Amino acid sequence: MPSRYNCIYLCRIDQIEYWKKRLELQNYAIYKIEIYDEPFKSRDILLPKPHESYNSICKKTKIYWQYNNSKNFEDDEYLYEGKFKILDKI
């Protein structure tokens, strides 16, 4: 599994507005890239919140890392460790 600390976070073009609002960033750059390996896909909604119980955090963490769904959701997140090529700045 990719390291959430060392990876880059990717999203589909149709998710850009969602993530701009969700992350509440003022200064950012968005790039269109080409990747050469499969990214890890999960959902932001599955990340545990700090106020949750230990048991709930363990359960949600397991679900997050074992996520396997081919449907696309607005809160999908893609983690990627690997080579990529920058195609364009959006």
PDB file of N, CA and C in Angstrom:
ATOM      1  N   MET A   1       0.837  -1.185   0.000  1.00  0.00           N
ATOM      2  CA  MET A   1       0.000   0.000   0.000  1.00  0.00           C
ATOM      3  C   MET A   1       0.881   1.248   0.000  1.00  0.00           C
ATOM      4  N   PRO A   2       0.413   2.300  -0.630  1.00  0.00           N
ATOM      5  CA  PRO A   2       1.195   3.532  -0.626  1.00  0.00           C
ATOM      6  C   PRO A   2       1.184   4.179   0.748  1.00  0.00           C
ATOM      7  N   SER A   3       2.201   4.932   1.016  1.00  0.00           N
ATOM      8  CA  SER A   3       2.271   5.691   2.258  1.00  0.00           C
ATOM      9  C   SER A   3       1.510   6.999   2.079  1.00  0.00           C
ATOM     10  N   ARG A   4       0.558   7.280   2.946  1.00  0.00           N
ATOM     11  CA  ARG A   4      -0.181   8.545   2.853  1.00  0.00           C
ATOM     12  C   ARG A   4       0.752   9.726   3.095  1.00  0.00           C
ATOM     13  N   TYR A   5       1.893   9.471   3.698  1.00  0.00           N
ATOM     14  CA  TYR A   5       2.866  10.522   3.985  1.00  0.00           C
ATOM     15  C   TYR A   5       3.745  10.822   2.768  1.00  0.00           C
ATOM     16  N   ASN A   6       4.080   9.810   1.982  1.00  0.00           N
ATOM     17  CA  ASN A   6       5.029   9.962   0.879  1.00  0.00           C
ATOM     18  C   ASN A   6       4.409   9.977  -0.510  1.00  0.00           C
ATOM     19  N   CYS A   7       3.133   9.764  -0.626  1.00  0.00           N
ATOM     20  CA  CYS A   7       2.514   9.652  -1.945  1.00  0.00           C
ATOM     21  C   CYS A   7       2.056  11.025  -2.451  1.00  0.00           C
ATOM     22  N   ILE A   8       1.593  11.032  -3.693  1.00  0.00           N
ATOM     23  CA  ILE A   8       0.865  12.193  -4.185  1.00  0.00           C
ATOM     24  C   ILE A   8      -0.604  11.801  -4.224  1.00  0.00           C
ATOM     25  N   TYR A   9      -1.449  12.788  -4.055  1.00  0.00           N
ATOM     26  CA  TYR A   9      -2.884  12.577  -4.078  1.00  0.00           C
ATOM     27  C   TYR A   9      -3.402  12.982  -5.443  1.00  0.00           C
ATOM     28  N   LEU A  10      -4.210  12.119  -6.038  1.00  0.00           N
ATOM     29  CA  LEU A  10      -4.757  12.369  -7.363  1.00  0.00           C
ATOM     30  C   LEU A  10      -6.276  12.409  -7.297  1.00  0.00           C
ATOM     31  N   CYS A  11      -6.862  13.051  -8.290  1.00  0.00           N
ATOM     32  CA  CYS A  11      -8.313  12.993  -8.440  1.00  0.00           C
ATOM     33  C   CYS A  11      -8.638  13.047  -9.924  1.00  0.00           C
ATOM     34  N   ARG A  12      -9.851  12.670 -10.231  1.00  0.00           N
ATOM     35  CA  ARG A  12     -10.324  12.775 -11.603  1.00  0.00           C
ATOM     36  C   ARG A  12     -10.666  14.239 -11.900  1.00  0.00           C
ATOM     37  N   ILE A  13     -10.716  14.592 -13.147  1.00  0.00           N
ATOM     38  CA  ILE A  13     -11.016  15.973 -13.547  1.00  0.00           C
ATOM     39  C   ILE A  13     -12.383  16.415 -13.020  1.00  0.00           C
ATOM     40  N   ASP A  14     -13.353  15.494 -12.953  1.00  0.00           N
ATOM     41  CA  ASP A  14     -14.691  15.845 -12.475  1.00  0.00           C
ATOM     42  C   ASP A  14     -14.756  16.030 -10.960  1.00  0.00           C
ATOM     43  N   GLN A  15     -13.660  15.802 -10.261  1.00  0.00           N
ATOM     44  CA  GLN A  15     -13.633  15.957  -8.807  1.00  0.00           C
ATOM     45  C   GLN A  15     -12.936  17.239  -8.357  1.00  0.00           C
ATOM     46  N   ILE A  16     -12.375  17.996  -9.251  1.00  0.00           N
ATOM     47  CA  ILE A  16     -11.548  19.144  -8.864  1.00  0.00           C
ATOM     48  C   ILE A  16     -12.306  20.117  -7.966  1.00  0.00           C
ATOM     49  N   GLU A  17     -13.508  20.483  -8.333  1.00  0.00           N
ATOM     50  CA  GLU A  17     -14.272  21.447  -7.517  1.00  0.00           C
ATOM     51  C   GLU A  17     -14.568  20.885  -6.127  1.00  0.00           C
ATOM     52  N   TYR A  18     -14.905  19.611  -6.055  1.00  0.00           N
ATOM     53  CA  TYR A  18     -15.161  18.980  -4.751  1.00  0.00           C
ATOM     54  C   TYR A  18     -13.927  19.117  -3.848  1.00  0.00           C
ATOM     55  N   TRP A  19     -12.756  18.755  -4.379  1.00  0.00           N
ATOM     56  CA  TRP A  19     -11.548  18.766  -3.553  1.00  0.00           C
ATOM     57  C   TRP A  19     -11.079  20.176  -3.230  1.00  0.00           C
ATOM     58  N   LYS A  20     -11.301  21.136  -4.109  1.00  0.00           N
ATOM     59  CA  LYS A  20     -10.951  22.522  -3.788  1.00  0.00           C
ATOM     60  C   LYS A  20     -11.771  23.001  -2.596  1.00  0.00           C
ATOM     61  N   LYS A  21     -13.054  22.693  -2.579  1.00  0.00           N
ATOM     62  CA  LYS A  21     -13.919  23.072  -1.454  1.00  0.00           C
ATOM     63  C   LYS A  21     -13.559  22.288  -0.186  1.00  0.00           C
ATOM     64  N   ARG A  22     -13.345  21.001  -0.342  1.00  0.00           N
ATOM     65  CA  ARG A  22     -13.074  20.116   0.805  1.00  0.00           C
ATOM     66  C   ARG A  22     -11.776  20.490   1.518  1.00  0.00           C
ATOM     67  N   LEU A  23     -10.753  20.811   0.749  1.00  0.00           N
ATOM     68  CA  LEU A  23      -9.442  21.109   1.330  1.00  0.00           C
ATOM     69  C   LEU A  23      -9.302  22.565   1.757  1.00  0.00           C
ATOM     70  N   GLU A  24     -10.195  23.418   1.297  1.00  0.00           N
ATOM     71  CA  GLU A  24     -10.205  24.832   1.663  1.00  0.00           C
ATOM     72  C   GLU A  24      -8.837  25.490   1.465  1.00  0.00           C
ATOM     73  N   LEU A  25      -8.247  25.246   0.317  1.00  0.00           N
ATOM     74  CA  LEU A  25      -6.936  25.805   0.016  1.00  0.00           C
ATOM     75  C   LEU A  25      -7.073  27.155  -0.676  1.00  0.00           C
ATOM     76  N   GLN A  26      -6.188  28.066  -0.336  1.00  0.00           N
ATOM     77  CA  GLN A  26      -6.172  29.367  -0.981  1.00  0.00           C
ATOM     78  C   GLN A  26      -5.150  29.398  -2.125  1.00  0.00           C
ATOM     79  N   ASN A  27      -3.995  28.809  -1.871  1.00  0.00           N
ATOM     80  CA  ASN A  27      -2.936  28.768  -2.871  1.00  0.00           C
ATOM     81  C   ASN A  27      -2.707  27.316  -3.271  1.00  0.00           C
ATOM     82  N   TYR A  28      -2.874  27.038  -4.543  1.00  0.00           N
ATOM     83  CA  TYR A  28      -2.692  25.674  -5.009  1.00  0.00           C
ATOM     84  C   TYR A  28      -2.381  25.696  -6.500  1.00  0.00           C
ATOM     85  N   ALA A  29      -1.869  24.602  -6.974  1.00  0.00           N
ATOM     86  CA  ALA A  29      -1.645  24.401  -8.401  1.00  0.00           C
ATOM     87  C   ALA A  29      -2.221  23.036  -8.755  1.00  0.00           C
ATOM     88  N   ILE A  30      -2.868  22.960  -9.891  1.00  0.00           N
ATOM     89  CA  ILE A  30      -3.460  21.711 -10.349  1.00  0.00           C
ATOM     90  C   ILE A  30      -2.786  21.340 -11.664  1.00  0.00           C
ATOM     91  N   TYR A  31      -2.342  20.100 -11.739  1.00  0.00           N
ATOM     92  CA  TYR A  31      -1.651  19.614 -12.928  1.00  0.00           C
ATOM     93  C   TYR A  31      -2.363  18.401 -13.498  1.00  0.00           C
ATOM     94  N   LYS A  32      -2.390  18.327 -14.802  1.00  0.00           N
ATOM     95  CA  LYS A  32      -2.839  17.116 -15.480  1.00  0.00           C
ATOM     96  C   LYS A  32      -1.585  16.268 -15.663  1.00  0.00           C
ATOM     97  N   ILE A  33      -1.651  15.015 -15.203  1.00  0.00           N
ATOM     98  CA  ILE A  33      -0.468  14.160 -15.276  1.00  0.00           C
ATOM     99  C   ILE A  33      -0.798  12.828 -15.931  1.00  0.00           C
ATOM    100  N   GLU A  34       0.240  12.158 -16.360  1.00  0.00           N
ATOM    101  CA  GLU A  34       0.134  10.793 -16.869  1.00  0.00           C
ATOM    102  C   GLU A  34       0.859   9.901 -15.866  1.00  0.00           C
ATOM    103  N   ILE A  35       0.183   8.844 -15.416  1.00  0.00           N
ATOM    104  CA  ILE A  35       0.815   7.918 -14.476  1.00  0.00           C
ATOM    105  C   ILE A  35       1.065   6.594 -15.189  1.00  0.00           C
ATOM    106  N   TYR A  36       1.998   5.829 -14.653  1.00  0.00           N
ATOM    107  CA  TYR A  36       2.427   4.603 -15.327  1.00  0.00           C
ATOM    108  C   TYR A  36       2.034   3.330 -14.584  1.00  0.00           C
ATOM    109  N   ASP A  37       1.537   3.462 -13.375  1.00  0.00           N
ATOM    110  CA  ASP A  37       1.074   2.327 -12.583  1.00  0.00           C
ATOM    111  C   ASP A  37      -0.315   2.649 -12.058  1.00  0.00           C
ATOM    112  N   GLU A  38      -0.975   1.644 -11.514  1.00  0.00           N
ATOM    113  CA  GLU A  38      -2.302   1.842 -10.936  1.00  0.00           C
ATOM    114  C   GLU A  38      -2.196   2.570  -9.601  1.00  0.00           C
ATOM    115  N   PRO A  39      -3.004   3.596  -9.397  1.00  0.00           N
ATOM    116  CA  PRO A  39      -3.034   4.236  -8.078  1.00  0.00           C
ATOM    117  C   PRO A  39      -3.903   3.418  -7.123  1.00  0.00           C
ATOM    118  N   PHE A  40      -3.722   3.636  -5.853  1.00  0.00           N
ATOM    119  CA  PHE A  40      -4.602   3.049  -4.844  1.00  0.00           C
ATOM    120  C   PHE A  40      -5.833   3.940  -4.760  1.00  0.00           C
ATOM    121  N   LYS A  41      -7.019   3.336  -4.777  1.00  0.00           N
ATOM    122  CA  LYS A  41      -8.268   4.095  -4.706  1.00  0.00           C
ATOM    123  C   LYS A  41      -9.017   3.751  -3.432  1.00  0.00           C
ATOM    124  N   SER A  42      -9.467   4.784  -2.746  1.00  0.00           N
ATOM    125  CA  SER A  42     -10.354   4.608  -1.606  1.00  0.00           C
ATOM    126  C   SER A  42     -11.265   5.822  -1.560  1.00  0.00           C
ATOM    127  N   ARG A  43     -11.902   6.047  -0.408  1.00  0.00           N
ATOM    128  CA  ARG A  43     -12.814   7.188  -0.291  1.00  0.00           C
ATOM    129  C   ARG A  43     -12.502   7.988   0.951  1.00  0.00           C
ATOM    130  N   ASP A  44     -12.561   9.284   0.797  1.00  0.00           N
ATOM    131  CA  ASP A  44     -12.312  10.206   1.899  1.00  0.00           C
ATOM    132  C   ASP A  44     -13.266   9.955   3.067  1.00  0.00           C
ATOM    133  N   ILE A  45     -14.487   9.598   2.769  1.00  0.00           N
ATOM    134  CA  ILE A  45     -15.499   9.366   3.805  1.00  0.00           C
ATOM    135  C   ILE A  45     -15.117   8.211   4.742  1.00  0.00           C
ATOM    136  N   LEU A  46     -14.239   7.338   4.283  1.00  0.00           N
ATOM    137  CA  LEU A  46     -13.843   6.182   5.093  1.00  0.00           C
ATOM    138  C   LEU A  46     -12.714   6.483   6.079  1.00  0.00           C
ATOM    139  N   LEU A  47     -12.121   7.664   5.991  1.00  0.00           N
ATOM    140  CA  LEU A  47     -11.056   7.998   6.945  1.00  0.00           C
ATOM    141  C   LEU A  47     -11.653   8.249   8.323  1.00  0.00           C
ATOM    142  N   PRO A  48     -11.059   7.660   9.349  1.00  0.00           N
ATOM    143  CA  PRO A  48     -11.583   7.875  10.696  1.00  0.00           C
ATOM    144  C   PRO A  48     -11.373   9.319  11.159  1.00  0.00           C
ATOM    145  N   LYS A  49     -12.255   9.769  12.008  1.00  0.00           N
ATOM    146  CA  LYS A  49     -12.155  11.109  12.600  1.00  0.00           C
ATOM    147  C   LYS A  49     -11.469  11.003  13.960  1.00  0.00           C
ATOM    148  N   PRO A  50     -10.738  12.014  14.365  1.00  0.00           N
ATOM    149  CA  PRO A  50      -9.989  11.951  15.635  1.00  0.00           C
ATOM    150  C   PRO A  50     -10.853  11.692  16.871  1.00  0.00           C
ATOM    151  N   HIS A  51     -12.101  12.105  16.853  1.00  0.00           N
ATOM    152  CA  HIS A  51     -12.966  11.939  18.022  1.00  0.00           C
ATOM    153  C   HIS A  51     -13.608  10.545  18.124  1.00  0.00           C
ATOM    154  N   GLU A  52     -13.404   9.699  17.122  1.00  0.00           N
ATOM    155  CA  GLU A  52     -14.012   8.367  17.136  1.00  0.00           C
ATOM    156  C   GLU A  52     -13.310   7.448  18.126  1.00  0.00           C
ATOM    157  N   SER A  53     -14.021   6.428  18.534  1.00  0.00           N
ATOM    158  CA  SER A  53     -13.456   5.454  19.469  1.00  0.00           C
ATOM    159  C   SER A  53     -12.340   4.658  18.797  1.00  0.00           C
ATOM    160  N   TYR A  54     -11.503   4.065  19.593  1.00  0.00           N
ATOM    161  CA  TYR A  54     -10.400   3.260  19.080  1.00  0.00           C
ATOM    162  C   TYR A  54     -10.920   2.130  18.190  1.00  0.00           C
ATOM    163  N   ASN A  55     -11.973   1.447  18.654  1.00  0.00           N
ATOM    164  CA  ASN A  55     -12.546   0.341  17.875  1.00  0.00           C
ATOM    165  C   ASN A  55     -13.098   0.826  16.536  1.00  0.00           C
ATOM    166  N   SER A  56     -13.745   1.969  16.537  1.00  0.00           N
ATOM    167  CA  SER A  56     -14.280   2.532  15.303  1.00  0.00           C
ATOM    168  C   SER A  56     -13.153   2.920  14.349  1.00  0.00           C
ATOM    169  N   ILE A  57     -12.102   3.505  14.876  1.00  0.00           N
ATOM    170  CA  ILE A  57     -10.946   3.878  14.057  1.00  0.00           C
ATOM    171  C   ILE A  57     -10.326   2.640  13.419  1.00  0.00           C
ATOM    172  N   CYS A  58     -10.153   1.582  14.191  1.00  0.00           N
ATOM    173  CA  CYS A  58      -9.581   0.338  13.659  1.00  0.00           C
ATOM    174  C   CYS A  58     -10.456  -0.233  12.549  1.00  0.00           C
ATOM    175  N   LYS A  59     -11.761  -0.242  12.761  1.00  0.00           N
ATOM    176  CA  LYS A  59     -12.691  -0.795  11.781  1.00  0.00           C
ATOM    177  C   LYS A  59     -12.675   0.033  10.492  1.00  0.00           C
ATOM    178  N   LYS A  60     -12.749   1.368  10.621  1.00  0.00           N
ATOM    179  CA  LYS A  60     -12.766   2.220   9.439  1.00  0.00           C
ATOM    180  C   LYS A  60     -11.439   2.178   8.689  1.00  0.00           C
ATOM    181  N   THR A  61     -10.353   2.069   9.420  1.00  0.00           N
ATOM    182  CA  THR A  61      -9.037   1.994   8.783  1.00  0.00           C
ATOM    183  C   THR A  61      -8.937   0.742   7.924  1.00  0.00           C
ATOM    184  N   LYS A  62      -9.412  -0.372   8.448  1.00  0.00           N
ATOM    185  CA  LYS A  62      -9.391  -1.633   7.698  1.00  0.00           C
ATOM    186  C   LYS A  62     -10.241  -1.521   6.438  1.00  0.00           C
ATOM    187  N   ILE A  63     -11.426  -0.932   6.568  1.00  0.00           N
ATOM    188  CA  ILE A  63     -12.310  -0.752   5.408  1.00  0.00           C
ATOM    189  C   ILE A  63     -11.649   0.171   4.381  1.00  0.00           C
ATOM    190  N   TYR A  64     -11.013   1.240   4.835  1.00  0.00           N
ATOM    191  CA  TYR A  64     -10.344   2.183   3.937  1.00  0.00           C
ATOM    192  C   TYR A  64      -9.296   1.472   3.084  1.00  0.00           C
ATOM    193  N   TRP A  65      -8.429   0.690   3.731  1.00  0.00           N
ATOM    194  CA  TRP A  65      -7.319   0.055   3.016  1.00  0.00           C
ATOM    195  C   TRP A  65      -7.749  -1.165   2.201  1.00  0.00           C
ATOM    196  N   GLN A  66      -8.919  -1.726   2.478  1.00  0.00           N
ATOM    197  CA  GLN A  66      -9.406  -2.872   1.713  1.00  0.00           C
ATOM    198  C   GLN A  66     -10.480  -2.481   0.697  1.00  0.00           C
ATOM    199  N   TYR A  67     -10.701  -1.202   0.545  1.00  0.00           N
ATOM    200  CA  TYR A  67     -11.745  -0.703  -0.352  1.00  0.00           C
ATOM    201  C   TYR A  67     -11.536  -1.232  -1.763  1.00  0.00           C
ATOM    202  N   ASN A  68     -12.625  -1.693  -2.362  1.00  0.00           N
ATOM    203  CA  ASN A  68     -12.554  -2.222  -3.724  1.00  0.00           C
ATOM    204  C   ASN A  68     -13.903  -1.998  -4.380  1.00  0.00           C
ATOM    205  N   ASN A  69     -14.035  -0.887  -5.085  1.00  0.00           N
ATOM    206  CA  ASN A  69     -15.295  -0.563  -5.735  1.00  0.00           C
ATOM    207  C   ASN A  69     -14.987   0.133  -7.049  1.00  0.00           C
ATOM    208  N   SER A  70     -15.583  -0.332  -8.119  1.00  0.00           N
ATOM    209  CA  SER A  70     -15.314   0.252  -9.429  1.00  0.00           C
ATOM    210  C   SER A  70     -16.195   1.473  -9.712  1.00  0.00           C
ATOM    211  N   LYS A  71     -17.204   1.719  -8.889  1.00  0.00           N
ATOM    212  CA  LYS A  71     -18.041   2.908  -9.075  1.00  0.00           C
ATOM    213  C   LYS A  71     -17.240   4.152  -8.722  1.00  0.00           C
ATOM    214  N   ASN A  72     -17.590   5.263  -9.349  1.00  0.00           N
ATOM    215  CA  ASN A  72     -16.939   6.533  -9.052  1.00  0.00           C
ATOM    216  C   ASN A  72     -17.822   7.378  -8.155  1.00  0.00           C
ATOM    217  N   PHE A  73     -17.219   7.889  -7.080  1.00  0.00           N
ATOM    218  CA  PHE A  73     -17.895   8.774  -6.151  1.00  0.00           C
ATOM    219  C   PHE A  73     -17.144  10.094  -6.090  1.00  0.00           C
ATOM    220  N   GLU A  74     -17.841  11.137  -5.703  1.00  0.00           N
ATOM    221  CA  GLU A  74     -17.219  12.456  -5.638  1.00  0.00           C
ATOM    222  C   GLU A  74     -16.049  12.496  -4.664  1.00  0.00           C
ATOM    223  N   ASP A  75     -16.131  11.739  -3.584  1.00  0.00           N
ATOM    224  CA  ASP A  75     -15.081  11.778  -2.563  1.00  0.00           C
ATOM    225  C   ASP A  75     -14.014  10.699  -2.749  1.00  0.00           C
ATOM    226  N   ASP A  76     -13.951  10.079  -3.923  1.00  0.00           N
ATOM    227  CA  ASP A  76     -12.864   9.127  -4.183  1.00  0.00           C
ATOM    228  C   ASP A  76     -11.533   9.844  -4.014  1.00  0.00           C
ATOM    229  N   GLU A  77     -10.566   9.130  -3.477  1.00  0.00           N
ATOM    230  CA  GLU A  77      -9.209   9.672  -3.440  1.00  0.00           C
ATOM    231  C   GLU A  77      -8.268   8.612  -3.972  1.00  0.00           C
ATOM    232  N   TYR A  78      -7.264   9.074  -4.642  1.00  0.00           N
ATOM    233  CA  TYR A  78      -6.288   8.196  -5.271  1.00  0.00           C
ATOM    234  C   TYR A  78      -4.922   8.525  -4.705  1.00  0.00           C
ATOM    235  N   LEU A  79      -4.238   7.513  -4.201  1.00  0.00           N
ATOM    236  CA  LEU A  79      -2.888   7.677  -3.672  1.00  0.00           C
ATOM    237  C   LEU A  79      -1.937   7.035  -4.662  1.00  0.00           C
ATOM    238  N   TYR A  80      -0.841   7.730  -4.951  1.00  0.00           N
ATOM    239  CA  TYR A  80       0.062   7.221  -5.979  1.00  0.00           C
ATOM    240  C   TYR A  80       1.515   7.410  -5.566  1.00  0.00           C
ATOM    241  N   GLU A  81       2.260   6.327  -5.663  1.00  0.00           N
ATOM    242  CA  GLU A  81       3.712   6.351  -5.508  1.00  0.00           C
ATOM    243  C   GLU A  81       4.285   5.750  -6.783  1.00  0.00           C
ATOM    244  N   GLY A  82       4.995   6.530  -7.512  1.00  0.00           N
ATOM    245  CA  GLY A  82       5.563   6.027  -8.751  1.00  0.00           C
ATOM    246  C   GLY A  82       5.924   7.165  -9.677  1.00  0.00           C
ATOM    247  N   LYS A  83       6.373   6.794 -10.841  1.00  0.00           N
ATOM    248  CA  LYS A  83       6.762   7.782 -11.829  1.00  0.00           C
ATOM    249  C   LYS A  83       5.523   8.343 -12.509  1.00  0.00           C
ATOM    250  N   PHE A  84       5.616   9.620 -12.860  1.00  0.00           N
ATOM    251  CA  PHE A  84       4.535  10.261 -13.601  1.00  0.00           C
ATOM    252  C   PHE A  84       5.122  11.367 -14.464  1.00  0.00           C
ATOM    253  N   LYS A  85       4.336  11.788 -15.418  1.00  0.00           N
ATOM    254  CA  LYS A  85       4.747  12.839 -16.344  1.00  0.00           C
ATOM    255  C   LYS A  85       3.730  13.977 -16.251  1.00  0.00           C
ATOM    256  N   ILE A  86       4.212  15.199 -16.063  1.00  0.00           N
ATOM    257  CA  ILE A  86       3.328  16.356 -16.038  1.00  0.00           C
ATOM    258  C   ILE A  86       2.990  16.730 -17.479  1.00  0.00           C
ATOM    259  N   LEU A  87       1.693  16.776 -17.790  1.00  0.00           N
ATOM    260  CA  LEU A  87       1.238  17.083 -19.143  1.00  0.00           C
ATOM    261  C   LEU A  87       0.858  18.553 -19.314  1.00  0.00           C
ATOM    262  N   ASP A  88       0.242  19.121 -18.265  1.00  0.00           N
ATOM    263  CA  ASP A  88      -0.260  20.481 -18.391  1.00  0.00           C
ATOM    264  C   ASP A  88      -0.580  21.037 -17.010  1.00  0.00           C
ATOM    265  N   LYS A  89      -0.475  22.339 -16.860  1.00  0.00           N
ATOM    266  CA  LYS A  89      -0.938  23.008 -15.650  1.00  0.00           C
ATOM    267  C   LYS A  89      -2.341  23.517 -15.932  1.00  0.00           C
ATOM    268  N   ILE A  90      -3.276  23.163 -15.090  1.00  0.00           N
ATOM    269  CA  ILE A  90      -4.691  23.541 -15.292  1.00  0.00           C
ATOM    270  C   ILE A  90      -4.964  24.850 -14.571  1.00  0.00           C
TER     271      ILE A  90
END
